[in-house]
Structures are given as C-alpha cells and as structure tokens.
N, C-alpha and C. Protein backbone atom coordinates (compact mmCIF):
# COMPACT_ATOMS: atom_id res chain seq x y z
N MET A 1 0.87 -1.22 -0.03
CA MET A 1 0.11 -0.19 -0.05
C MET A 1 1.08 1.22 0.08
N ARG A 2 0.66 2.05 -0.69
CA ARG A 2 1.35 3.28 -0.96
C ARG A 2 0.42 4.65 -0.54
N THR A 3 0.86 5.74 -0.23
CA THR A 3 0.18 6.75 0.37
C THR A 3 0.91 8.12 0.00
N ARG A 4 0.10 9.00 -0.79
CA ARG A 4 0.52 10.20 -1.40
C ARG A 4 0.48 11.33 -0.17
N LEU A 5 1.66 12.07 -0.05
CA LEU A 5 1.73 12.65 1.05
C LEU A 5 2.26 14.25 0.42
N PHE A 6 1.67 15.25 0.74
CA PHE A 6 2.12 16.76 0.45
C PHE A 6 2.97 17.17 1.33
N ILE A 7 4.26 17.29 1.13
CA ILE A 7 5.30 17.62 1.94
C ILE A 7 5.61 19.04 1.81
N TYR A 8 5.86 19.74 3.10
CA TYR A 8 5.94 21.22 2.95
C TYR A 8 6.79 21.89 3.66
N GLY A 9 7.58 21.24 4.54
CA GLY A 9 8.66 21.46 5.27
C GLY A 9 9.95 20.99 5.44
N THR A 10 10.71 20.42 6.49
CA THR A 10 11.97 19.84 6.51
C THR A 10 12.04 18.54 5.84
N LEU A 11 10.97 18.11 5.43
CA LEU A 11 11.01 16.99 4.70
C LEU A 11 11.30 17.09 3.08
N LYS A 12 11.22 18.23 2.85
CA LYS A 12 11.39 18.61 1.52
C LYS A 12 12.86 18.36 0.81
N ARG A 13 12.81 18.10 -0.57
CA ARG A 13 14.31 17.83 -0.99
C ARG A 13 15.11 19.21 -0.42
N GLY A 14 16.64 18.74 -0.14
CA GLY A 14 17.50 19.96 0.12
C GLY A 14 17.24 20.46 1.57
N HIS A 15 16.38 19.91 2.30
CA HIS A 15 16.28 20.36 3.68
C HIS A 15 16.78 19.28 4.84
N GLU A 16 16.73 19.54 5.70
CA GLU A 16 17.46 18.53 6.80
C GLU A 16 16.95 17.13 6.88
N ARG A 17 15.67 17.00 6.81
CA ARG A 17 15.00 15.61 7.05
C ARG A 17 14.77 15.13 5.63
N ALA A 18 15.25 15.58 4.50
CA ALA A 18 15.05 14.90 3.24
C ALA A 18 15.15 13.59 2.90
N GLY A 19 16.27 13.09 3.74
CA GLY A 19 16.81 11.56 3.91
C GLY A 19 15.42 10.77 3.99
N ARG A 20 14.72 11.23 4.70
CA ARG A 20 13.72 10.34 5.24
C ARG A 20 12.90 9.89 4.17
N LEU A 21 12.88 10.46 2.99
CA LEU A 21 12.15 9.83 1.93
C LEU A 21 12.91 9.14 0.94
N SER A 22 14.25 8.81 1.24
CA SER A 22 14.99 8.07 0.33
C SER A 22 14.39 6.99 -0.12
N GLY A 23 14.41 6.44 -1.26
CA GLY A 23 13.77 5.37 -1.82
C GLY A 23 12.29 5.46 -2.33
N GLN A 24 11.48 6.59 -1.97
CA GLN A 24 10.35 7.04 -2.06
C GLN A 24 10.21 7.72 -3.49
N GLN A 25 8.82 7.89 -3.99
CA GLN A 25 8.60 8.42 -5.17
C GLN A 25 8.45 9.90 -5.26
N PHE A 26 9.29 10.68 -5.76
CA PHE A 26 8.76 12.10 -6.07
C PHE A 26 8.01 12.46 -7.17
N LEU A 27 6.67 12.74 -6.67
CA LEU A 27 5.90 12.89 -7.91
C LEU A 27 5.94 14.45 -8.65
N GLY A 28 6.40 15.42 -8.01
CA GLY A 28 6.41 16.75 -8.42
C GLY A 28 6.04 17.99 -7.35
N ASP A 29 6.45 19.07 -7.83
CA ASP A 29 6.05 20.12 -7.00
C ASP A 29 4.60 20.24 -6.89
N ALA A 30 4.18 20.57 -5.70
CA ALA A 30 2.31 20.90 -5.60
C ALA A 30 2.08 21.81 -4.79
N GLN A 31 1.06 22.64 -4.79
CA GLN A 31 0.67 23.54 -4.27
C GLN A 31 -0.70 23.32 -3.62
N ALA A 32 -1.29 23.77 -2.25
CA ALA A 32 -2.49 23.32 -1.45
C ALA A 32 -3.20 24.26 -2.05
N GLY A 33 -4.34 24.18 -2.03
CA GLY A 33 -5.45 25.11 -2.20
C GLY A 33 -5.35 26.24 -1.05
N PRO A 34 -5.99 27.35 -1.26
CA PRO A 34 -5.88 28.62 -0.29
C PRO A 34 -6.48 28.47 0.98
N PHE A 35 -6.51 27.25 1.87
CA PHE A 35 -7.15 27.02 2.87
C PHE A 35 -6.20 26.88 3.88
N TYR A 36 -5.23 27.12 4.09
CA TYR A 36 -3.94 26.52 4.96
C TYR A 36 -3.02 27.71 5.58
N ARG A 37 -2.80 27.66 6.44
CA ARG A 37 -1.51 28.53 7.12
C ARG A 37 -0.45 27.47 7.57
N MET A 38 0.89 28.15 7.44
CA MET A 38 1.91 27.50 7.99
C MET A 38 2.72 28.46 9.19
N TYR A 39 3.04 27.88 10.15
CA TYR A 39 3.77 28.82 11.12
C TYR A 39 4.91 28.13 11.68
N ARG A 40 5.84 29.13 12.13
CA ARG A 40 7.28 28.48 12.35
C ARG A 40 7.18 28.17 13.86
N VAL A 41 7.07 26.68 14.13
CA VAL A 41 6.86 26.24 15.34
C VAL A 41 8.30 26.13 16.28
N ASP A 42 9.41 26.05 15.57
CA ASP A 42 10.51 25.85 16.57
C ASP A 42 11.70 26.13 15.14
N GLN A 43 12.29 25.04 14.87
CA GLN A 43 13.03 24.69 13.51
C GLN A 43 12.33 23.90 12.42
N TYR A 44 11.03 24.08 12.86
CA TYR A 44 9.93 23.16 11.80
C TYR A 44 8.86 23.92 11.59
N PRO A 45 8.14 23.78 10.26
CA PRO A 45 6.74 24.58 10.38
C PRO A 45 5.68 23.77 10.93
N GLY A 46 4.44 24.34 11.13
CA GLY A 46 3.19 23.55 11.27
C GLY A 46 2.38 24.11 10.61
N LEU A 47 1.62 23.02 9.91
CA LEU A 47 0.53 23.61 9.08
C LEU A 47 -0.86 23.17 9.63
N VAL A 48 -1.70 24.19 9.48
CA VAL A 48 -3.07 24.05 10.03
C VAL A 48 -4.02 24.71 8.88
N TYR A 49 -5.21 24.20 9.29
CA TYR A 49 -6.41 24.65 8.24
C TYR A 49 -7.07 26.12 8.82
N ASP A 50 -7.16 26.91 7.57
CA ASP A 50 -7.50 28.06 7.86
C ASP A 50 -8.25 28.78 6.74
N VAL A 51 -9.57 28.90 7.04
CA VAL A 51 -10.29 29.44 5.93
C VAL A 51 -9.95 30.52 5.19
N ALA A 52 -9.34 31.37 5.85
CA ALA A 52 -8.94 32.49 5.15
C ALA A 52 -7.32 32.72 4.82
N GLY A 53 -6.88 31.16 4.48
CA GLY A 53 -5.21 30.70 4.25
C GLY A 53 -4.81 31.35 3.15
N VAL A 54 -3.64 30.70 3.07
CA VAL A 54 -2.80 30.87 1.27
C VAL A 54 -2.72 29.54 1.05
N ALA A 55 -2.12 29.66 -0.26
CA ALA A 55 -1.84 28.45 -1.11
C ALA A 55 -0.14 28.10 -0.68
N VAL A 56 -0.07 27.15 0.17
CA VAL A 56 1.23 26.60 0.67
C VAL A 56 1.91 25.97 -0.52
N GLN A 57 2.97 26.26 -0.78
CA GLN A 57 3.98 25.55 -1.79
C GLN A 57 4.72 24.36 -0.99
N GLY A 58 4.88 23.18 -1.96
CA GLY A 58 5.13 21.83 -1.01
C GLY A 58 5.59 20.91 -2.26
N GLU A 59 5.90 19.80 -1.94
CA GLU A 59 6.11 18.63 -2.78
C GLU A 59 4.94 17.39 -2.72
N LEU A 60 4.89 16.73 -3.86
CA LEU A 60 3.90 15.49 -3.58
C LEU A 60 4.85 14.34 -4.06
N TRP A 61 4.67 13.46 -2.71
CA TRP A 61 5.47 12.25 -2.70
C TRP A 61 4.45 10.91 -2.59
N GLU A 62 4.82 9.86 -3.08
CA GLU A 62 4.25 8.75 -2.95
C GLU A 62 5.31 7.72 -1.91
N VAL A 63 4.62 7.43 -0.82
CA VAL A 63 5.46 6.56 0.01
C VAL A 63 4.82 5.03 0.42
N ASP A 64 5.70 4.20 0.76
CA ASP A 64 5.14 2.96 0.93
C ASP A 64 5.05 3.01 2.60
N ALA A 65 4.29 1.86 3.09
CA ALA A 65 3.74 1.64 4.42
C ALA A 65 4.80 1.86 5.40
N GLU A 66 6.22 1.27 5.28
CA GLU A 66 7.22 1.23 5.95
C GLU A 66 7.61 2.74 6.37
N CYS A 67 7.87 3.58 5.06
CA CYS A 67 8.38 4.77 5.26
C CYS A 67 6.94 5.73 6.15
N LEU A 68 5.82 5.38 5.85
CA LEU A 68 4.98 6.13 6.27
C LEU A 68 4.86 6.04 7.90
N ALA A 69 5.14 4.80 8.47
CA ALA A 69 5.30 4.58 9.81
C ALA A 69 6.29 5.10 10.19
N GLU A 70 7.42 5.28 9.53
CA GLU A 70 8.44 6.05 10.23
C GLU A 70 8.24 7.61 10.30
N LEU A 71 7.81 8.12 9.13
CA LEU A 71 7.21 9.37 9.18
C LEU A 71 6.32 9.80 10.33
N ASP A 72 5.32 9.05 10.44
CA ASP A 72 4.39 9.15 11.55
C ASP A 72 5.17 9.41 13.04
N ARG A 73 6.17 8.60 13.15
CA ARG A 73 7.14 8.64 14.35
C ARG A 73 7.89 9.78 14.53
N VAL A 74 8.69 10.05 13.40
CA VAL A 74 9.36 11.39 13.25
C VAL A 74 8.39 12.66 13.53
N GLU A 75 7.44 12.77 13.15
CA GLU A 75 6.43 13.76 13.16
C GLU A 75 5.49 13.67 14.57
N ALA A 76 5.75 12.82 15.20
CA ALA A 76 5.21 12.56 16.76
C ALA A 76 3.74 12.49 16.63
N VAL A 77 3.29 11.55 15.66
CA VAL A 77 1.70 11.58 15.56
C VAL A 77 0.97 10.77 16.77
N ASP A 78 1.84 9.76 17.24
CA ASP A 78 1.24 9.20 18.64
C ASP A 78 1.22 10.12 19.70
N ASP A 79 1.94 11.09 19.55
CA ASP A 79 2.05 11.99 20.93
C ASP A 79 1.31 13.38 20.80
N GLY A 80 0.40 13.42 19.31
CA GLY A 80 -0.40 14.40 19.48
C GLY A 80 0.14 15.49 18.93
N LEU A 81 1.37 15.59 18.45
CA LEU A 81 2.08 16.75 17.74
C LEU A 81 1.65 17.20 16.49
N TYR A 82 1.24 16.04 15.49
CA TYR A 82 0.75 16.27 14.06
C TYR A 82 -0.06 15.17 13.93
N GLN A 83 -1.02 15.18 12.93
CA GLN A 83 -1.98 14.37 12.49
C GLN A 83 -2.02 14.31 11.16
N ARG A 84 -2.01 12.94 10.63
CA ARG A 84 -2.29 12.93 9.12
C ARG A 84 -3.60 12.99 8.75
N GLN A 85 -3.76 14.16 7.42
CA GLN A 85 -5.44 14.21 7.13
C GLN A 85 -5.03 14.75 5.83
N LEU A 86 -6.64 14.51 5.33
CA LEU A 86 -6.48 14.84 3.66
C LEU A 86 -6.15 16.27 3.75
N ILE A 87 -5.62 16.76 2.55
CA ILE A 87 -5.34 18.23 2.09
C ILE A 87 -5.58 18.13 0.68
N GLU A 88 -6.35 19.70 0.52
CA GLU A 88 -6.95 19.94 -1.03
C GLU A 88 -5.56 20.73 -1.60
N LEU A 89 -5.39 19.77 -2.63
CA LEU A 89 -4.29 20.52 -3.60
C LEU A 89 -4.75 21.29 -4.71
N ALA A 90 -4.07 22.19 -5.45
CA ALA A 90 -4.48 23.04 -6.65
C ALA A 90 -4.17 21.89 -7.84
N ALA A 91 -4.37 22.54 -8.90
CA ALA A 91 -4.22 21.58 -10.12
C ALA A 91 -2.64 21.51 -10.43
N PRO A 92 -2.15 20.51 -11.04
CA PRO A 92 -2.62 19.50 -11.68
C PRO A 92 -3.13 18.32 -10.62
N TRP A 93 -2.84 18.59 -9.41
CA TRP A 93 -3.23 17.33 -8.34
C TRP A 93 -4.70 17.70 -7.68
N GLN A 94 -5.30 18.60 -7.95
CA GLN A 94 -6.71 18.72 -7.39
C GLN A 94 -7.67 17.28 -7.66
N GLY A 95 -8.27 16.98 -6.64
CA GLY A 95 -9.12 16.06 -6.58
C GLY A 95 -8.49 14.75 -6.17
N GLU A 96 -7.16 14.76 -6.27
CA GLU A 96 -6.17 13.59 -5.82
C GLU A 96 -6.36 13.40 -4.03
N ALA A 97 -6.74 11.90 -3.98
CA ALA A 97 -6.71 11.80 -2.33
C ALA A 97 -4.94 11.71 -1.75
N VAL A 98 -4.88 12.75 -1.24
CA VAL A 98 -3.32 13.37 -0.57
C VAL A 98 -3.53 13.55 0.70
N GLU A 99 -2.47 12.96 1.72
CA GLU A 99 -2.55 13.50 3.02
C GLU A 99 -1.25 14.45 3.39
N ALA A 100 -1.55 15.19 4.40
CA ALA A 100 -0.46 16.14 4.92
C ALA A 100 -0.41 15.73 6.60
N TYR A 101 0.77 16.26 7.15
CA TYR A 101 1.22 16.33 8.52
C TYR A 101 0.46 17.69 9.08
N PHE A 102 -0.71 17.56 9.78
CA PHE A 102 -1.25 18.82 10.17
C PHE A 102 -0.84 18.93 11.73
N TYR A 103 -0.36 20.22 12.09
CA TYR A 103 0.01 20.50 13.42
C TYR A 103 -1.16 20.80 14.36
N GLN A 104 -0.98 19.96 15.55
CA GLN A 104 -2.20 19.80 16.40
C GLN A 104 -2.26 20.61 17.78
N GLN A 105 -1.19 21.50 17.78
CA GLN A 105 -0.83 22.46 18.98
C GLN A 105 -1.65 23.78 18.62
N PRO A 106 -1.58 24.63 19.64
CA PRO A 106 -2.12 25.99 19.39
C PRO A 106 -0.99 26.74 18.61
N VAL A 107 -1.53 27.72 17.95
CA VAL A 107 -0.48 28.52 17.05
C VAL A 107 -0.45 30.08 17.48
N ASP A 108 -1.14 30.37 18.44
CA ASP A 108 -0.97 31.59 19.06
C ASP A 108 0.38 31.98 19.09
N GLY A 109 0.65 33.27 18.77
CA GLY A 109 2.06 33.79 19.12
C GLY A 109 3.12 33.17 18.01
N LEU A 110 2.84 32.47 17.30
CA LEU A 110 3.64 31.81 16.32
C LEU A 110 3.62 32.85 15.20
N VAL A 111 4.96 32.60 14.32
CA VAL A 111 5.25 33.44 13.23
C VAL A 111 4.69 32.86 11.91
N ASP A 112 3.81 33.44 11.22
CA ASP A 112 3.07 32.95 10.17
C ASP A 112 4.56 32.87 8.99
N CYS A 113 4.60 31.73 8.56
CA CYS A 113 5.62 31.56 7.42
C CYS A 113 5.51 31.84 6.08
N GLY A 114 4.36 32.32 5.63
CA GLY A 114 3.41 32.59 4.35
C GLY A 114 3.40 31.29 3.70
N THR A 115 3.78 31.45 2.26
CA THR A 115 3.55 30.36 1.60
C THR A 115 4.58 29.35 1.30
N CYS A 116 5.97 29.42 1.51
CA CYS A 116 6.90 28.39 1.26
C CYS A 116 7.84 28.37 2.65
N TRP A 117 8.12 27.27 3.08
CA TRP A 117 9.21 27.02 3.95
C TRP A 117 10.42 26.96 3.61
N GLU A 118 11.30 28.22 4.31
CA GLU A 118 12.43 28.15 3.79
C GLU A 118 13.50 27.60 4.90
N GLY A 119 13.15 27.50 6.07
CA GLY A 119 14.00 26.86 7.16
C GLY A 119 14.71 27.91 7.98
C-alpha cells in the first residue's frame, strides 16, 4: 500500500530531513488550495487549516507503508504533535487523495511562514 503525501517543510528536497524520503517516489512540486497557514513552531513548520488561508507550496510524494510509519514516528503522531489528514491541492493534483501532516497544537503567538518554508 502506498500513500500520497504533501510535504511542505523539513522533509522537502534539500532540507534537513529529506533523507527520510530516500527510496520513495517524488511525483512533483505541488501547491495546496488557499485554505491553510504554515507557522514556525521552532526549527520546523506547522500546517493548520484556515478558511482565510494561503496556497502553501510543497512537494507531492508517494511513500510505502514502512516509510509512512517512520514519518508518523518522526512527526510525533502518537504524541499528538501532528496528525495526518487529507489536504486539498491545486491543479494538476486537484481531486487526488493526498494527506499532509497537520500541526495539532495552538498556534497563538507563532510567526506565519507565508506560502513556502525556507527553514
């Protein structure tokens, strides 16, 4: 079983955690629909749903079950830091079943990163 993931932060190519996607399939650059915001949590971003959001830039990857389990561990899903949820992407990926890691903690006082994580 393979899962399509929208990657928007430290897992993107050229960033510090990119190696976690080694051996997985890069499908292309992608852009989320304008319903999200990305905040600087620390040295990483946190994506949240926001009806008055922006079109966050990222990458689309297809990962196997083993990689997905490792990413869930890295993103602290079991600890409630992030949760994998469906995300709406813009064309050409619009309508595809794609998940992203959504930040599950309060974002009050955090800096808005705009549309692209630069690290």
